[in-house]
Full PDB file with SEQRES, HELIX, SHEET, SSBOND, CRYST1, ORIGX, SCALE, CONECT and MASTER records, all heavy atoms in Angstrom:
SEQRES   1 A   35  SER LEU PRO VAL LEU ALA ALA LEU CYS ASP ILE LEU ASP          
SEQRES   2 A   35  CYS SER PRO GLY ASP LEU ILE GLU PRO TYR VAL GLU ALA          
SEQRES   3 A   35  ASP ARG ARG LYS ARG THR ALA ASP GLU                          
HELIX    1 AA1 LEU A    2  LEU A   12  1                                  11    
HELIX    2 AA2 PRO A   16  LEU A   19  1                                   4    
CRYST1    1.000    1.000    1.000  90.00  90.00  90.00 P 1           1          
ORIGX1      1.000000  0.000000  0.000000        0.00000                         
ORIGX2      0.000000  1.000000  0.000000        0.00000                         
ORIGX3      0.000000  0.000000  1.000000        0.00000                         
SCALE1      1.000000  0.000000  0.000000        0.00000                         
SCALE2      0.000000  1.000000  0.000000        0.00000                         
SCALE3      0.000000  0.000000  1.000000        0.00000                         
ATOM      1  N   SER A   1      94.076  88.587 137.881  1.00  0.00           N  
ATOM      2  CA  SER A   1      94.601  87.528 138.955  1.00  0.00           C  
ATOM      3  C   SER A   1      93.307  87.135 139.801  1.00  0.00           C  
ATOM      4  O   SER A   1      92.394  87.819 139.947  1.00  0.00           O  
ATOM      5  CB  SER A   1      95.555  88.113 139.902  1.00  0.00           C  
ATOM      6  OG  SER A   1      95.061  89.087 140.777  1.00  0.00           O  
ATOM      7  N   LEU A   2      93.371  85.876 140.233  1.00  0.00           N  
ATOM      8  CA  LEU A   2      92.232  85.254 141.052  1.00  0.00           C  
ATOM      9  C   LEU A   2      92.136  86.043 142.334  1.00  0.00           C  
ATOM     10  O   LEU A   2      90.904  86.067 142.721  1.00  0.00           O  
ATOM     11  CB  LEU A   2      92.399  83.850 141.224  1.00  0.00           C  
ATOM     12  CG  LEU A   2      92.288  82.981 139.966  1.00  0.00           C  
ATOM     13  CD1 LEU A   2      92.357  81.455 140.155  1.00  0.00           C  
ATOM     14  CD2 LEU A   2      90.814  83.187 139.366  1.00  0.00           C  
ATOM     15  N   PRO A   3      93.120  86.404 143.033  1.00  0.00           N  
ATOM     16  CA  PRO A   3      92.815  87.203 144.312  1.00  0.00           C  
ATOM     17  C   PRO A   3      92.115  88.547 144.007  1.00  0.00           C  
ATOM     18  O   PRO A   3      91.339  88.932 144.886  1.00  0.00           O  
ATOM     19  CB  PRO A   3      94.367  87.557 144.873  1.00  0.00           C  
ATOM     20  CG  PRO A   3      95.183  86.371 144.289  1.00  0.00           C  
ATOM     21  CD  PRO A   3      94.575  85.982 142.931  1.00  0.00           C  
ATOM     22  N   VAL A   4      92.427  89.113 142.950  1.00  0.00           N  
ATOM     23  CA  VAL A   4      91.655  90.355 142.574  1.00  0.00           C  
ATOM     24  C   VAL A   4      90.287  90.040 142.262  1.00  0.00           C  
ATOM     25  O   VAL A   4      89.301  90.802 142.715  1.00  0.00           O  
ATOM     26  CB  VAL A   4      92.320  91.104 141.375  1.00  0.00           C  
ATOM     27  CG1 VAL A   4      91.495  92.216 141.054  1.00  0.00           C  
ATOM     28  CG2 VAL A   4      93.770  91.662 141.771  1.00  0.00           C  
ATOM     29  N   LEU A   5      89.917  88.990 141.579  1.00  0.00           N  
ATOM     30  CA  LEU A   5      88.730  88.599 141.191  1.00  0.00           C  
ATOM     31  C   LEU A   5      87.736  88.245 142.375  1.00  0.00           C  
ATOM     32  O   LEU A   5      86.792  88.675 142.684  1.00  0.00           O  
ATOM     33  CB  LEU A   5      88.590  87.490 140.115  1.00  0.00           C  
ATOM     34  CG  LEU A   5      87.252  86.985 139.703  1.00  0.00           C  
ATOM     35  CD1 LEU A   5      86.533  88.024 139.071  1.00  0.00           C  
ATOM     36  CD2 LEU A   5      87.533  85.753 138.936  1.00  0.00           C  
ATOM     37  N   ALA A   6      88.504  87.519 143.302  1.00  0.00           N  
ATOM     38  CA  ALA A   6      87.731  87.143 144.564  1.00  0.00           C  
ATOM     39  C   ALA A   6      87.572  88.421 145.484  1.00  0.00           C  
ATOM     40  O   ALA A   6      86.470  88.395 146.039  1.00  0.00           O  
ATOM     41  CB  ALA A   6      88.677  86.145 145.358  1.00  0.00           C  
ATOM     42  N   ALA A   7      88.401  89.345 145.527  1.00  0.00           N  
ATOM     43  CA  ALA A   7      88.205  90.540 146.376  1.00  0.00           C  
ATOM     44  C   ALA A   7      87.088  91.279 145.762  1.00  0.00           C  
ATOM     45  O   ALA A   7      86.243  91.845 146.466  1.00  0.00           O  
ATOM     46  CB  ALA A   7      89.467  91.451 146.315  1.00  0.00           C  
ATOM     47  N   LEU A   8      87.044  91.453 144.370  1.00  0.00           N  
ATOM     48  CA  LEU A   8      85.838  92.158 143.756  1.00  0.00           C  
ATOM     49  C   LEU A   8      84.471  91.479 144.035  1.00  0.00           C  
ATOM     50  O   LEU A   8      83.591  92.130 144.318  1.00  0.00           O  
ATOM     51  CB  LEU A   8      86.016  92.219 142.282  1.00  0.00           C  
ATOM     52  CG  LEU A   8      87.188  93.202 141.818  1.00  0.00           C  
ATOM     53  CD1 LEU A   8      87.464  93.039 140.296  1.00  0.00           C  
ATOM     54  CD2 LEU A   8      86.835  94.571 142.160  1.00  0.00           C  
ATOM     55  N   CYS A   9      84.509  90.152 143.916  1.00  0.00           N  
ATOM     56  CA  CYS A   9      83.322  89.436 144.333  1.00  0.00           C  
ATOM     57  C   CYS A   9      82.937  89.671 145.728  1.00  0.00           C  
ATOM     58  O   CYS A   9      81.730  89.705 146.015  1.00  0.00           O  
ATOM     59  CB  CYS A   9      83.517  87.845 143.986  1.00  0.00           C  
ATOM     60  SG  CYS A   9      83.587  87.544 142.201  1.00  0.00           S  
ATOM     61  N   ASP A  10      83.855  89.535 146.663  1.00  0.00           N  
ATOM     62  CA  ASP A  10      83.541  89.873 148.056  1.00  0.00           C  
ATOM     63  C   ASP A  10      83.038  91.314 148.292  1.00  0.00           C  
ATOM     64  O   ASP A  10      82.076  91.536 149.067  1.00  0.00           O  
ATOM     65  CB  ASP A  10      84.728  89.565 148.934  1.00  0.00           C  
ATOM     66  CG  ASP A  10      84.521  89.720 150.409  1.00  0.00           C  
ATOM     67  OD1 ASP A  10      83.465  89.194 150.911  1.00  0.00           O  
ATOM     68  OD2 ASP A  10      85.271  90.443 151.061  1.00  0.00           O  
ATOM     69  N   ILE A  11      83.623  92.271 147.645  1.00  0.00           N  
ATOM     70  CA  ILE A  11      83.256  93.738 147.856  1.00  0.00           C  
ATOM     71  C   ILE A  11      81.803  94.017 147.299  1.00  0.00           C  
ATOM     72  O   ILE A  11      81.081  94.514 147.935  1.00  0.00           O  
ATOM     73  CB  ILE A  11      84.266  94.671 147.124  1.00  0.00           C  
ATOM     74  CG1 ILE A  11      85.556  94.624 147.777  1.00  0.00           C  
ATOM     75  CG2 ILE A  11      83.705  96.035 147.020  1.00  0.00           C  
ATOM     76  CD1 ILE A  11      86.733  95.237 147.009  1.00  0.00           C  
ATOM     77  N   LEU A  12      81.577  93.447 146.121  1.00  0.00           N  
ATOM     78  CA  LEU A  12      80.378  93.609 145.351  1.00  0.00           C  
ATOM     79  C   LEU A  12      79.304  92.642 145.706  1.00  0.00           C  
ATOM     80  O   LEU A  12      78.196  92.585 145.144  1.00  0.00           O  
ATOM     81  CB  LEU A  12      80.602  93.721 143.948  1.00  0.00           C  
ATOM     82  CG  LEU A  12      81.656  94.844 143.587  1.00  0.00           C  
ATOM     83  CD1 LEU A  12      81.998  94.820 142.094  1.00  0.00           C  
ATOM     84  CD2 LEU A  12      80.974  96.194 143.912  1.00  0.00           C  
ATOM     85  N   ASP A  13      79.563  91.632 146.518  1.00  0.00           N  
ATOM     86  CA  ASP A  13      78.659  90.615 146.833  1.00  0.00           C  
ATOM     87  C   ASP A  13      78.055  89.894 145.623  1.00  0.00           C  
ATOM     88  O   ASP A  13      76.890  89.793 145.436  1.00  0.00           O  
ATOM     89  CB  ASP A  13      77.549  91.112 147.785  1.00  0.00           C  
ATOM     90  CG  ASP A  13      76.742  89.966 148.484  1.00  0.00           C  
ATOM     91  OD1 ASP A  13      77.328  88.905 148.612  1.00  0.00           O  
ATOM     92  OD2 ASP A  13      75.555  90.113 148.771  1.00  0.00           O  
ATOM     93  N   CYS A  14      78.972  89.334 144.780  1.00  0.00           N  
ATOM     94  CA  CYS A  14      78.487  88.814 143.571  1.00  0.00           C  
ATOM     95  C   CYS A  14      79.395  87.557 143.162  1.00  0.00           C  
ATOM     96  O   CYS A  14      80.218  87.329 143.889  1.00  0.00           O  
ATOM     97  CB  CYS A  14      78.520  89.823 142.329  1.00  0.00           C  
ATOM     98  SG  CYS A  14      80.245  90.311 142.037  1.00  0.00           S  
ATOM     99  N   SER A  15      79.122  87.025 142.206  1.00  0.00           N  
ATOM    100  CA  SER A  15      79.866  85.675 141.727  1.00  0.00           C  
ATOM    101  C   SER A  15      80.798  86.196 140.509  1.00  0.00           C  
ATOM    102  O   SER A  15      80.417  87.183 139.839  1.00  0.00           O  
ATOM    103  CB  SER A  15      78.973  84.590 141.433  1.00  0.00           C  
ATOM    104  OG  SER A  15      78.195  84.942 140.154  1.00  0.00           O  
ATOM    105  N   PRO A  16      81.734  85.431 140.168  1.00  0.00           N  
ATOM    106  CA  PRO A  16      82.525  85.709 138.963  1.00  0.00           C  
ATOM    107  C   PRO A  16      81.726  85.776 137.624  1.00  0.00           C  
ATOM    108  O   PRO A  16      81.945  86.506 136.747  1.00  0.00           O  
ATOM    109  CB  PRO A  16      83.585  84.522 138.915  1.00  0.00           C  
ATOM    110  CG  PRO A  16      83.657  84.206 140.303  1.00  0.00           C  
ATOM    111  CD  PRO A  16      82.335  84.374 140.908  1.00  0.00           C  
ATOM    112  N   GLY A  17      80.583  84.937 137.636  1.00  0.00           N  
ATOM    113  CA  GLY A  17      79.683  84.951 136.492  1.00  0.00           C  
ATOM    114  C   GLY A  17      78.900  86.193 136.396  1.00  0.00           C  
ATOM    115  O   GLY A  17      78.426  86.539 135.264  1.00  0.00           O  
ATOM    116  N   ASP A  18      78.787  86.872 137.461  1.00  0.00           N  
ATOM    117  CA  ASP A  18      78.062  88.224 137.360  1.00  0.00           C  
ATOM    118  C   ASP A  18      79.044  89.347 136.794  1.00  0.00           C  
ATOM    119  O   ASP A  18      78.521  90.143 136.049  1.00  0.00           O  
ATOM    120  CB  ASP A  18      77.661  88.717 138.789  1.00  0.00           C  
ATOM    121  CG  ASP A  18      76.608  87.859 139.403  1.00  0.00           C  
ATOM    122  OD1 ASP A  18      75.837  87.134 138.586  1.00  0.00           O  
ATOM    123  OD2 ASP A  18      76.600  87.768 140.608  1.00  0.00           O  
ATOM    124  N   LEU A  19      80.369  89.130 136.927  1.00  0.00           N  
ATOM    125  CA  LEU A  19      81.284  90.093 136.425  1.00  0.00           C  
ATOM    126  C   LEU A  19      81.547  89.769 135.026  1.00  0.00           C  
ATOM    127  O   LEU A  19      81.879  90.716 134.221  1.00  0.00           O  
ATOM    128  CB  LEU A  19      82.546  90.185 137.395  1.00  0.00           C  
ATOM    129  CG  LEU A  19      82.392  90.719 138.665  1.00  0.00           C  
ATOM    130  CD1 LEU A  19      83.693  90.467 139.534  1.00  0.00           C  
ATOM    131  CD2 LEU A  19      82.159  92.179 138.624  1.00  0.00           C  
ATOM    132  N   ILE A  20      81.709  88.576 134.716  1.00  0.00           N  
ATOM    133  CA  ILE A  20      82.259  88.102 133.369  1.00  0.00           C  
ATOM    134  C   ILE A  20      81.138  87.388 132.641  1.00  0.00           C  
ATOM    135  O   ILE A  20      80.634  86.348 133.109  1.00  0.00           O  
ATOM    136  CB  ILE A  20      83.440  87.262 133.501  1.00  0.00           C  
ATOM    137  CG1 ILE A  20      84.595  87.899 134.274  1.00  0.00           C  
ATOM    138  CG2 ILE A  20      83.967  86.801 132.162  1.00  0.00           C  
ATOM    139  CD1 ILE A  20      85.742  86.984 134.767  1.00  0.00           C  
ATOM    140  N   GLU A  21      80.751  87.869 131.433  1.00  0.00           N  
ATOM    141  CA  GLU A  21      79.678  87.175 130.678  1.00  0.00           C  
ATOM    142  C   GLU A  21      80.367  86.708 129.274  1.00  0.00           C  
ATOM    143  O   GLU A  21      80.573  87.474 128.485  1.00  0.00           O  
ATOM    144  CB  GLU A  21      78.623  88.103 130.405  1.00  0.00           C  
ATOM    145  CG  GLU A  21      77.529  87.642 129.499  1.00  0.00           C  
ATOM    146  CD  GLU A  21      76.452  88.640 129.095  1.00  0.00           C  
ATOM    147  OE1 GLU A  21      76.469  89.726 129.627  1.00  0.00           O  
ATOM    148  OE2 GLU A  21      75.738  88.258 128.147  1.00  0.00           O  
ATOM    149  N   PRO A  22      80.592  85.515 129.143  1.00  0.00           N  
ATOM    150  CA  PRO A  22      81.208  84.948 127.954  1.00  0.00           C  
ATOM    151  C   PRO A  22      80.186  84.912 126.830  1.00  0.00           C  
ATOM    152  O   PRO A  22      79.035  84.705 127.140  1.00  0.00           O  
ATOM    153  CB  PRO A  22      81.861  83.599 128.346  1.00  0.00           C  
ATOM    154  CG  PRO A  22      80.977  83.126 129.515  1.00  0.00           C  
ATOM    155  CD  PRO A  22      80.495  84.467 130.173  1.00  0.00           C  
ATOM    156  N   TYR A  23      80.690  85.109 125.577  1.00  0.00           N  
ATOM    157  CA  TYR A  23      79.803  84.909 124.372  1.00  0.00           C  
ATOM    158  C   TYR A  23      80.575  84.519 123.219  1.00  0.00           C  
ATOM    159  O   TYR A  23      81.859  84.615 123.243  1.00  0.00           O  
ATOM    160  CB  TYR A  23      78.914  86.170 124.162  1.00  0.00           C  
ATOM    161  CG  TYR A  23      79.894  87.298 123.632  1.00  0.00           C  
ATOM    162  CD1 TYR A  23      80.041  87.609 122.310  1.00  0.00           C  
ATOM    163  CD2 TYR A  23      80.479  88.284 124.550  1.00  0.00           C  
ATOM    164  CE1 TYR A  23      80.767  88.699 121.959  1.00  0.00           C  
ATOM    165  CE2 TYR A  23      81.185  89.230 124.159  1.00  0.00           C  
ATOM    166  CZ  TYR A  23      81.323  89.536 122.838  1.00  0.00           C  
ATOM    167  OH  TYR A  23      82.201  90.511 122.434  1.00  0.00           O  
ATOM    168  N   VAL A  24      80.020  83.935 122.188  1.00  0.00           N  
ATOM    169  CA  VAL A  24      80.729  83.600 121.011  1.00  0.00           C  
ATOM    170  C   VAL A  24      80.599  84.694 120.017  1.00  0.00           C  
ATOM    171  O   VAL A  24      79.480  85.224 119.697  1.00  0.00           O  
ATOM    172  CB  VAL A  24      80.063  82.329 120.385  1.00  0.00           C  
ATOM    173  CG1 VAL A  24      80.754  81.933 119.084  1.00  0.00           C  
ATOM    174  CG2 VAL A  24      80.111  81.154 121.458  1.00  0.00           C  
ATOM    175  N   GLU A  25      81.685  85.142 119.472  1.00  0.00           N  
ATOM    176  CA  GLU A  25      81.644  86.252 118.592  1.00  0.00           C  
ATOM    177  C   GLU A  25      81.010  85.775 117.211  1.00  0.00           C  
ATOM    178  O   GLU A  25      81.060  84.611 116.789  1.00  0.00           O  
ATOM    179  CB  GLU A  25      83.111  86.803 118.245  1.00  0.00           C  
ATOM    180  CG  GLU A  25      83.698  87.550 119.406  1.00  0.00           C  
ATOM    181  CD  GLU A  25      85.064  88.174 119.026  1.00  0.00           C  
ATOM    182  OE1 GLU A  25      85.647  87.855 117.882  1.00  0.00           O  
ATOM    183  OE2 GLU A  25      85.481  88.883 119.736  1.00  0.00           O  
ATOM    184  N   ALA A  26      80.449  86.720 116.539  1.00  0.00           N  
ATOM    185  CA  ALA A  26      79.823  86.388 115.190  1.00  0.00           C  
ATOM    186  C   ALA A  26      80.885  86.133 114.268  1.00  0.00           C  
ATOM    187  O   ALA A  26      82.104  86.485 114.230  1.00  0.00           O  
ATOM    188  CB  ALA A  26      79.105  87.668 114.736  1.00  0.00           C  
ATOM    189  N   ASP A  27      80.542  85.085 113.307  1.00  0.00           N  
ATOM    190  CA  ASP A  27      81.587  84.700 112.334  1.00  0.00           C  
ATOM    191  C   ASP A  27      81.943  85.766 111.397  1.00  0.00           C  
ATOM    192  O   ASP A  27      80.984  86.360 110.637  1.00  0.00           O  
ATOM    193  CB  ASP A  27      81.034  83.448 111.561  1.00  0.00           C  
ATOM    194  CG  ASP A  27      81.914  82.777 110.575  1.00  0.00           C  
ATOM    195  OD1 ASP A  27      83.170  83.022 110.794  1.00  0.00           O  
ATOM    196  OD2 ASP A  27      81.535  82.165 109.572  1.00  0.00           O  
ATOM    197  N   ARG A  28      83.121  86.151 111.206  1.00  0.00           N  
ATOM    198  CA  ARG A  28      83.600  87.164 110.386  1.00  0.00           C  
ATOM    199  C   ARG A  28      84.385  86.554 109.136  1.00  0.00           C  
ATOM    200  O   ARG A  28      85.494  86.434 109.135  1.00  0.00           O  
ATOM    201  CB  ARG A  28      84.573  88.177 111.087  1.00  0.00           C  
ATOM    202  CG  ARG A  28      83.871  88.987 112.128  1.00  0.00           C  
ATOM    203  CD  ARG A  28      84.877  89.952 112.554  1.00  0.00           C  
ATOM    204  NE  ARG A  28      84.756  90.252 113.999  1.00  0.00           N  
ATOM    205  CZ  ARG A  28      85.677  90.692 114.792  1.00  0.00           C  
ATOM    206  NH1 ARG A  28      86.761  91.070 114.333  1.00  0.00           N  
ATOM    207  NH2 ARG A  28      85.361  90.959 116.032  1.00  0.00           N  
ATOM    208  N   ARG A  29      83.484  86.132 108.241  1.00  0.00           N  
ATOM    209  CA  ARG A  29      84.211  85.451 106.987  1.00  0.00           C  
ATOM    210  C   ARG A  29      84.590  86.608 106.173  1.00  0.00           C  
ATOM    211  O   ARG A  29      83.922  87.604 105.965  1.00  0.00           O  
ATOM    212  CB  ARG A  29      83.139  84.690 106.289  1.00  0.00           C  
ATOM    213  CG  ARG A  29      82.785  83.382 107.107  1.00  0.00           C  
ATOM    214  CD  ARG A  29      81.891  82.556 106.335  1.00  0.00           C  
ATOM    215  NE  ARG A  29      80.817  83.201 105.523  1.00  0.00           N  
ATOM    216  CZ  ARG A  29      80.324  82.979 104.356  1.00  0.00           C  
ATOM    217  NH1 ARG A  29      80.815  81.969 103.767  1.00  0.00           N  
ATOM    218  NH2 ARG A  29      79.423  83.712 103.894  1.00  0.00           N  
ATOM    219  N   LYS A  30      85.722  86.404 105.403  1.00  0.00           N  
ATOM    220  CA  LYS A  30      86.187  87.375 104.341  1.00  0.00           C  
ATOM    221  C   LYS A  30      85.350  87.044 103.099  1.00  0.00           C  
ATOM    222  O   LYS A  30      84.958  85.951 102.851  1.00  0.00           O  
ATOM    223  CB  LYS A  30      87.642  87.145 103.957  1.00  0.00           C  
ATOM    224  CG  LYS A  30      88.530  87.518 105.198  1.00  0.00           C  
ATOM    225  CD  LYS A  30      89.953  87.395 104.725  1.00  0.00           C  
ATOM    226  CE  LYS A  30      90.904  87.866 105.867  1.00  0.00           C  
ATOM    227  NZ  LYS A  30      92.221  87.830 105.388  1.00  0.00           N  
ATOM    228  N   ARG A  31      84.993  88.047 102.464  1.00  0.00           N  
ATOM    229  CA  ARG A  31      84.216  87.985 101.216  1.00  0.00           C  
ATOM    230  C   ARG A  31      85.037  87.417 100.033  1.00  0.00           C  
ATOM    231  O   ARG A  31      86.185  87.910  99.948  1.00  0.00           O  
ATOM    232  CB  ARG A  31      83.578  89.399 100.783  1.00  0.00           C  
ATOM    233  CG  ARG A  31      82.483  89.753 101.606  1.00  0.00           C  
ATOM    234  CD  ARG A  31      81.943  90.968 101.094  1.00  0.00           C  
ATOM    235  NE  ARG A  31      80.512  91.293 101.641  1.00  0.00           N  
ATOM    236  CZ  ARG A  31      79.749  92.210 101.216  1.00  0.00           C  
ATOM    237  NH1 ARG A  31      80.206  93.100 100.416  1.00  0.00           N  
ATOM    238  NH2 ARG A  31      78.674  92.456 101.807  1.00  0.00           N  
ATOM    239  N   THR A  32      84.490  86.745  99.271  1.00  0.00           N  
ATOM    240  CA  THR A  32      85.118  86.244  98.157  1.00  0.00           C  
ATOM    241  C   THR A  32      84.739  87.206  96.926  1.00  0.00           C  
ATOM    242  O   THR A  32      83.875  87.879  97.104  1.00  0.00           O  
ATOM    243  CB  THR A  32      84.822  84.735  97.760  1.00  0.00           C  
ATOM    244  OG1 THR A  32      83.378  84.720  97.590  1.00  0.00           O  
ATOM    245  CG2 THR A  32      85.159  83.854  98.920  1.00  0.00           C  
ATOM    246  N   ALA A  33      85.292  86.981  95.864  1.00  0.00           N  
ATOM    247  CA  ALA A  33      85.006  87.849  94.664  1.00  0.00           C  
ATOM    248  C   ALA A  33      83.537  87.570  94.259  1.00  0.00           C  
ATOM    249  O   ALA A  33      82.869  88.507  93.793  1.00  0.00           O  
ATOM    250  CB  ALA A  33      85.932  87.454  93.585  1.00  0.00           C  
ATOM    251  N   ASP A  34      82.972  86.437  94.328  1.00  0.00           N  
ATOM    252  CA  ASP A  34      81.617  86.250  93.970  1.00  0.00           C  
ATOM    253  C   ASP A  34      80.658  87.008  94.869  1.00  0.00           C  
ATOM    254  O   ASP A  34      79.555  87.237  94.468  1.00  0.00           O  
ATOM    255  CB  ASP A  34      81.338  84.675  94.014  1.00  0.00           C  
ATOM    256  CG  ASP A  34      82.136  83.919  92.964  1.00  0.00           C  
ATOM    257  OD1 ASP A  34      82.569  84.569  92.014  1.00  0.00           O  
ATOM    258  OD2 ASP A  34      82.303  82.702  93.172  1.00  0.00           O  
ATOM    259  N   GLU A  35      80.963  87.123  96.203  1.00  0.00           N  
ATOM    260  CA  GLU A  35      80.015  87.707  97.090  1.00  0.00           C  
ATOM    261  C   GLU A  35      80.270  89.217  97.254  1.00  0.00           C  
ATOM    262  O   GLU A  35      79.452  89.865  97.879  1.00  0.00           O  
ATOM    263  CB  GLU A  35      80.287  87.152  98.526  1.00  0.00           C  
ATOM    264  CG  GLU A  35      80.094  85.635  98.592  1.00  0.00           C  
ATOM    265  CD  GLU A  35      80.378  85.191  99.987  1.00  0.00           C  
ATOM    266  OE1 GLU A  35      81.345  85.819 100.670  1.00  0.00           O  
ATOM    267  OE2 GLU A  35      79.881  84.101 100.387  1.00  0.00           O  
TER     268      GLU A  35                                                      
MASTER        0    0    0    2    0    0    0    6  267    1    0    3          
END                                                                             
């Protein structure tokens, strides 16, 4: 919840971007018979 996130940011003197680091997962393709 946003109130919990805001409280954590206030307690730890940080921004939401410091707590949450988004990233793109590696492509997990299924192998075909040829591969």
